[in-house]
Amino acid sequence: GLNGQPLVNPEKDVCLLLRTSGTTSRPKGVPLFQDALINNGAILAASMQLKEADVVYSVMPLFHIGGILGTILCTLASGGSICCDSEPFDPSRMIDALALSQPQPTWYSS
């Protein structure tokens, strides 16, 4: 084990191995670096003018870079909050989910 020590990943190291769908060839794993993901999250947050008061309703799959970066990491970079549904995405439930979610979402990505 870690014997109580924090798990530390240097910023220039790989932090995520994302699988591709293989649209241009065979599926493969793409190594993503921690500093690149953090910087991209900050750039997206700034470009969308996200603030600490913002709450994203995340319906993007978290095995996809759009779900990871385009909703989760950019929201964390802004200091905002994240709401995720406990069920698979169903468009017929989305209006109720947006209306009933606490905290109340200020934006969503789908």
N, C-alpha and C. Protein backbone atom coordinates (compact mmCIF):
# COMPACT_ATOMS: atom_id res chain seq x y z
N GLY A 1 0.81 -1.18 0.00
CA GLY A 1 0.00 0.00 0.00
C GLY A 1 0.85 1.25 0.00
N LEU A 2 0.17 2.35 0.19
CA LEU A 2 0.83 3.66 0.21
C LEU A 2 1.28 4.06 1.61
N ASN A 3 0.92 3.26 2.63
CA ASN A 3 1.30 3.55 4.01
C ASN A 3 0.96 4.97 4.43
N GLY A 4 -0.22 5.43 4.07
CA GLY A 4 -0.67 6.76 4.46
C GLY A 4 -0.11 7.89 3.62
N GLN A 5 0.72 7.59 2.65
CA GLN A 5 1.30 8.63 1.81
C GLN A 5 0.33 8.99 0.68
N PRO A 6 0.26 10.27 0.30
CA PRO A 6 -0.63 10.64 -0.81
C PRO A 6 -0.10 10.08 -2.13
N LEU A 7 -1.00 9.76 -3.00
CA LEU A 7 -0.64 9.33 -4.35
C LEU A 7 -0.36 10.58 -5.17
N VAL A 8 0.85 10.72 -5.65
CA VAL A 8 1.26 11.92 -6.37
C VAL A 8 1.66 11.53 -7.78
N ASN A 9 1.12 12.27 -8.74
CA ASN A 9 1.45 12.05 -10.14
C ASN A 9 2.10 13.33 -10.67
N PRO A 10 3.37 13.28 -11.07
CA PRO A 10 4.01 14.49 -11.61
C PRO A 10 3.22 15.05 -12.79
N GLU A 11 3.18 16.38 -12.88
CA GLU A 11 2.33 17.01 -13.89
C GLU A 11 2.70 16.65 -15.32
N LYS A 12 3.92 16.26 -15.57
CA LYS A 12 4.33 15.89 -16.94
C LYS A 12 4.12 14.41 -17.23
N ASP A 13 3.53 13.68 -16.30
CA ASP A 13 3.31 12.24 -16.48
C ASP A 13 1.92 11.95 -17.05
N VAL A 14 1.81 10.77 -17.62
CA VAL A 14 0.52 10.28 -18.12
C VAL A 14 -0.40 10.08 -16.92
N CYS A 15 -1.63 10.58 -17.04
CA CYS A 15 -2.58 10.39 -15.95
C CYS A 15 -3.84 9.65 -16.42
N LEU A 16 -3.99 9.48 -17.73
CA LEU A 16 -5.18 8.82 -18.26
C LEU A 16 -4.82 8.14 -19.57
N LEU A 17 -5.25 6.91 -19.69
CA LEU A 17 -5.10 6.18 -20.95
C LEU A 17 -6.51 6.05 -21.53
N LEU A 18 -6.79 6.86 -22.55
CA LEU A 18 -8.12 6.92 -23.14
C LEU A 18 -8.18 6.02 -24.36
N ARG A 19 -9.18 5.18 -24.42
CA ARG A 19 -9.37 4.30 -25.58
C ARG A 19 -10.07 5.05 -26.69
N THR A 20 -9.58 4.86 -27.91
CA THR A 20 -10.26 5.44 -29.07
C THR A 20 -11.23 4.40 -29.63
N SER A 21 -12.14 4.87 -30.46
CA SER A 21 -13.12 3.96 -31.07
C SER A 21 -12.57 3.28 -32.31
N GLY A 22 -11.45 3.79 -32.82
CA GLY A 22 -10.85 3.17 -33.99
C GLY A 22 -11.43 3.66 -35.31
N THR A 23 -11.98 4.87 -35.35
CA THR A 23 -12.58 5.37 -36.59
C THR A 23 -11.56 5.58 -37.69
N THR A 24 -10.30 5.84 -37.36
CA THR A 24 -9.29 6.05 -38.38
C THR A 24 -8.41 4.82 -38.59
N SER A 25 -8.56 3.84 -37.74
CA SER A 25 -7.76 2.62 -37.80
C SER A 25 -8.33 1.65 -36.79
N ARG A 26 -7.47 0.90 -36.15
CA ARG A 26 -7.92 0.01 -35.08
C ARG A 26 -8.02 0.81 -33.78
N PRO A 27 -8.88 0.38 -32.86
CA PRO A 27 -8.93 1.05 -31.55
C PRO A 27 -7.56 0.98 -30.87
N LYS A 28 -7.24 2.04 -30.15
CA LYS A 28 -5.95 2.08 -29.46
C LYS A 28 -6.08 2.92 -28.20
N GLY A 29 -5.11 2.79 -27.32
CA GLY A 29 -5.05 3.62 -26.12
C GLY A 29 -4.21 4.85 -26.38
N VAL A 30 -4.70 6.00 -25.99
CA VAL A 30 -3.97 7.25 -26.18
C VAL A 30 -3.59 7.79 -24.80
N PRO A 31 -2.29 7.93 -24.53
CA PRO A 31 -1.88 8.47 -23.23
C PRO A 31 -2.11 9.98 -23.18
N LEU A 32 -2.76 10.43 -22.12
CA LEU A 32 -3.01 11.86 -21.92
C LEU A 32 -2.24 12.32 -20.69
N PHE A 33 -1.60 13.46 -20.81
CA PHE A 33 -0.73 13.96 -19.76
C PHE A 33 -1.48 14.90 -18.82
N GLN A 34 -1.13 14.80 -17.56
CA GLN A 34 -1.83 15.56 -16.53
C GLN A 34 -1.81 17.06 -16.81
N ASP A 35 -0.65 17.63 -17.13
CA ASP A 35 -0.59 19.07 -17.35
C ASP A 35 -1.44 19.50 -18.54
N ALA A 36 -1.49 18.69 -19.59
CA ALA A 36 -2.30 19.03 -20.76
C ALA A 36 -3.79 19.01 -20.42
N LEU A 37 -4.22 18.02 -19.67
CA LEU A 37 -5.63 17.96 -19.28
C LEU A 37 -6.01 19.13 -18.38
N ILE A 38 -5.17 19.44 -17.42
CA ILE A 38 -5.45 20.55 -16.50
C ILE A 38 -5.48 21.87 -17.27
N ASN A 39 -4.51 22.08 -18.15
CA ASN A 39 -4.48 23.32 -18.95
C ASN A 39 -5.69 23.41 -19.87
N ASN A 40 -6.06 22.31 -20.52
CA ASN A 40 -7.23 22.33 -21.38
C ASN A 40 -8.50 22.62 -20.60
N GLY A 41 -8.62 22.05 -19.40
CA GLY A 41 -9.77 22.34 -18.55
C GLY A 41 -9.86 23.82 -18.22
N ALA A 42 -8.73 24.43 -17.89
CA ALA A 42 -8.70 25.86 -17.57
C ALA A 42 -9.03 26.72 -18.79
N ILE A 43 -8.52 26.34 -19.96
CA ILE A 43 -8.80 27.08 -21.20
C ILE A 43 -10.29 27.00 -21.53
N LEU A 44 -10.87 25.80 -21.43
CA LEU A 44 -12.31 25.66 -21.69
C LEU A 44 -13.14 26.46 -20.69
N ALA A 45 -12.77 26.41 -19.41
CA ALA A 45 -13.50 27.16 -18.39
C ALA A 45 -13.47 28.66 -18.70
N ALA A 46 -12.30 29.15 -19.08
CA ALA A 46 -12.17 30.57 -19.40
C ALA A 46 -12.96 30.93 -20.66
N SER A 47 -12.90 30.07 -21.68
CA SER A 47 -13.60 30.38 -22.93
C SER A 47 -15.12 30.34 -22.76
N MET A 48 -15.61 29.51 -21.83
CA MET A 48 -17.05 29.45 -21.57
C MET A 48 -17.45 30.39 -20.43
N GLN A 49 -16.47 31.13 -19.90
CA GLN A 49 -16.68 32.08 -18.81
C GLN A 49 -17.36 31.41 -17.61
N LEU A 50 -16.92 30.19 -17.30
CA LEU A 50 -17.47 29.48 -16.15
C LEU A 50 -16.97 30.13 -14.86
N LYS A 51 -17.84 30.17 -13.88
CA LYS A 51 -17.53 30.76 -12.58
C LYS A 51 -17.76 29.73 -11.48
N GLU A 52 -17.33 30.06 -10.28
CA GLU A 52 -17.49 29.17 -9.14
C GLU A 52 -18.96 28.85 -8.86
N ALA A 53 -19.85 29.75 -9.19
CA ALA A 53 -21.29 29.56 -8.95
C ALA A 53 -21.94 28.63 -9.98
N ASP A 54 -21.23 28.31 -11.05
CA ASP A 54 -21.81 27.47 -12.10
C ASP A 54 -21.90 26.01 -11.67
N VAL A 55 -22.96 25.36 -12.15
CA VAL A 55 -23.21 23.94 -11.88
C VAL A 55 -23.51 23.28 -13.22
N VAL A 56 -22.73 22.28 -13.59
CA VAL A 56 -22.97 21.56 -14.84
C VAL A 56 -23.81 20.32 -14.56
N TYR A 57 -24.77 20.08 -15.43
CA TYR A 57 -25.50 18.81 -15.43
C TYR A 57 -24.82 17.96 -16.48
N SER A 58 -24.05 16.98 -16.05
CA SER A 58 -23.22 16.18 -16.94
C SER A 58 -23.97 14.96 -17.46
N VAL A 59 -24.21 14.95 -18.76
CA VAL A 59 -24.86 13.79 -19.38
C VAL A 59 -23.94 13.11 -20.40
N MET A 60 -22.76 13.68 -20.59
CA MET A 60 -21.80 13.08 -21.51
C MET A 60 -21.19 11.83 -20.87
N PRO A 61 -20.92 10.81 -21.66
CA PRO A 61 -20.27 9.62 -21.09
C PRO A 61 -18.87 9.95 -20.60
N LEU A 62 -18.51 9.42 -19.44
CA LEU A 62 -17.21 9.73 -18.85
C LEU A 62 -16.09 8.86 -19.39
N PHE A 63 -16.39 8.02 -20.38
CA PHE A 63 -15.33 7.30 -21.09
C PHE A 63 -14.94 8.05 -22.36
N HIS A 64 -15.51 9.23 -22.57
CA HIS A 64 -15.29 10.06 -23.75
C HIS A 64 -14.61 11.35 -23.32
N ILE A 65 -13.69 11.86 -24.13
CA ILE A 65 -12.96 13.07 -23.76
C ILE A 65 -13.91 14.25 -23.59
N GLY A 66 -15.02 14.28 -24.32
CA GLY A 66 -16.00 15.35 -24.15
C GLY A 66 -16.62 15.34 -22.77
N GLY A 67 -16.87 14.16 -22.24
CA GLY A 67 -17.42 14.06 -20.89
C GLY A 67 -16.39 14.39 -19.83
N ILE A 68 -15.17 13.92 -20.04
CA ILE A 68 -14.11 14.14 -19.05
C ILE A 68 -13.67 15.61 -19.05
N LEU A 69 -13.33 16.12 -20.22
CA LEU A 69 -12.76 17.46 -20.31
C LEU A 69 -13.83 18.53 -20.48
N GLY A 70 -14.81 18.26 -21.36
CA GLY A 70 -15.80 19.27 -21.72
C GLY A 70 -16.87 19.52 -20.69
N THR A 71 -16.95 18.70 -19.66
CA THR A 71 -17.89 18.97 -18.57
C THR A 71 -17.20 18.92 -17.22
N ILE A 72 -16.47 17.84 -16.93
CA ILE A 72 -15.93 17.62 -15.59
C ILE A 72 -14.71 18.51 -15.30
N LEU A 73 -13.64 18.38 -16.09
CA LEU A 73 -12.41 19.10 -15.77
C LEU A 73 -12.54 20.61 -15.91
N CYS A 74 -13.29 21.08 -16.90
CA CYS A 74 -13.45 22.54 -17.03
C CYS A 74 -14.26 23.10 -15.87
N THR A 75 -15.25 22.34 -15.39
CA THR A 75 -16.03 22.79 -14.24
C THR A 75 -15.16 22.80 -12.99
N LEU A 76 -14.36 21.77 -12.78
CA LEU A 76 -13.46 21.75 -11.63
C LEU A 76 -12.45 22.90 -11.69
N ALA A 77 -11.96 23.20 -12.90
CA ALA A 77 -11.00 24.29 -13.06
C ALA A 77 -11.62 25.63 -12.67
N SER A 78 -12.92 25.78 -12.87
CA SER A 78 -13.59 27.04 -12.54
C SER A 78 -14.00 27.09 -11.08
N GLY A 79 -13.90 25.97 -10.37
CA GLY A 79 -14.36 25.92 -8.99
C GLY A 79 -15.83 25.61 -8.87
N GLY A 80 -16.47 25.29 -9.99
CA GLY A 80 -17.90 25.01 -10.00
C GLY A 80 -18.25 23.63 -9.48
N SER A 81 -19.52 23.29 -9.60
CA SER A 81 -20.05 22.01 -9.11
C SER A 81 -20.57 21.17 -10.27
N ILE A 82 -20.69 19.86 -10.01
CA ILE A 82 -21.08 18.90 -11.04
C ILE A 82 -22.25 18.06 -10.53
N CYS A 83 -23.28 17.93 -11.37
CA CYS A 83 -24.40 17.02 -11.09
C CYS A 83 -24.35 15.93 -12.16
N CYS A 84 -24.40 14.69 -11.74
CA CYS A 84 -24.46 13.56 -12.66
C CYS A 84 -25.71 12.75 -12.36
N ASP A 85 -26.32 12.23 -13.38
CA ASP A 85 -27.49 11.38 -13.20
C ASP A 85 -27.02 9.98 -12.80
N SER A 86 -27.79 9.33 -11.97
CA SER A 86 -27.43 7.97 -11.55
C SER A 86 -27.93 6.91 -12.54
N GLU A 87 -28.67 7.35 -13.53
CA GLU A 87 -29.23 6.46 -14.56
C GLU A 87 -28.56 6.76 -15.90
N PRO A 88 -28.57 5.80 -16.82
CA PRO A 88 -28.10 6.11 -18.19
C PRO A 88 -28.93 7.26 -18.78
N PHE A 89 -28.31 8.03 -19.65
CA PHE A 89 -28.99 9.20 -20.22
C PHE A 89 -30.25 8.79 -20.95
N ASP A 90 -31.32 9.52 -20.67
CA ASP A 90 -32.61 9.32 -21.32
C ASP A 90 -33.18 10.71 -21.60
N PRO A 91 -33.26 11.11 -22.87
CA PRO A 91 -33.71 12.47 -23.18
C PRO A 91 -35.09 12.80 -22.61
N SER A 92 -35.94 11.82 -22.47
CA SER A 92 -37.29 12.09 -21.95
C SER A 92 -37.27 12.48 -20.48
N ARG A 93 -36.20 12.18 -19.75
CA ARG A 93 -36.09 12.54 -18.34
C ARG A 93 -35.29 13.81 -18.11
N MET A 94 -34.70 14.36 -19.15
CA MET A 94 -33.75 15.46 -18.96
C MET A 94 -34.42 16.72 -18.40
N ILE A 95 -35.59 17.08 -18.87
CA ILE A 95 -36.26 18.29 -18.39
C ILE A 95 -36.52 18.19 -16.89
N ASP A 96 -37.05 17.03 -16.45
CA ASP A 96 -37.28 16.84 -15.01
C ASP A 96 -35.97 16.86 -14.24
N ALA A 97 -34.95 16.23 -14.78
CA ALA A 97 -33.66 16.20 -14.10
C ALA A 97 -33.11 17.61 -13.93
N LEU A 98 -33.22 18.44 -14.96
CA LEU A 98 -32.74 19.81 -14.87
C LEU A 98 -33.56 20.62 -13.87
N ALA A 99 -34.86 20.38 -13.84
CA ALA A 99 -35.73 21.14 -12.94
C ALA A 99 -35.58 20.72 -11.49
N LEU A 100 -35.34 19.43 -11.25
CA LEU A 100 -35.34 18.91 -9.88
C LEU A 100 -33.97 18.78 -9.25
N SER A 101 -32.93 18.90 -10.04
CA SER A 101 -31.56 18.70 -9.53
C SER A 101 -31.21 19.74 -8.49
N GLN A 102 -30.53 19.27 -7.44
CA GLN A 102 -30.01 20.18 -6.42
C GLN A 102 -28.54 19.86 -6.22
N PRO A 103 -27.63 20.76 -6.46
CA PRO A 103 -27.87 22.17 -6.79
C PRO A 103 -28.43 22.33 -8.21
N GLN A 104 -29.05 23.44 -8.47
CA GLN A 104 -29.68 23.71 -9.76
C GLN A 104 -28.63 23.96 -10.83
N PRO A 105 -28.62 23.16 -11.91
CA PRO A 105 -27.62 23.37 -12.98
C PRO A 105 -27.78 24.73 -13.66
N THR A 106 -26.65 25.30 -14.03
CA THR A 106 -26.63 26.55 -14.79
C THR A 106 -26.29 26.29 -16.25
N TRP A 107 -25.79 25.09 -16.54
CA TRP A 107 -25.49 24.70 -17.92
C TRP A 107 -25.38 23.19 -18.01
N TYR A 108 -25.41 22.69 -19.24
CA TYR A 108 -25.23 21.27 -19.47
C TYR A 108 -24.49 21.05 -20.77
N SER A 109 -23.96 19.88 -20.93
CA SER A 109 -23.28 19.50 -22.17
C SER A 109 -23.78 18.15 -22.57
N SER A 110 -24.16 18.02 -23.83
CA SER A 110 -24.67 16.74 -24.30
C SER A 110 -24.17 16.43 -25.69
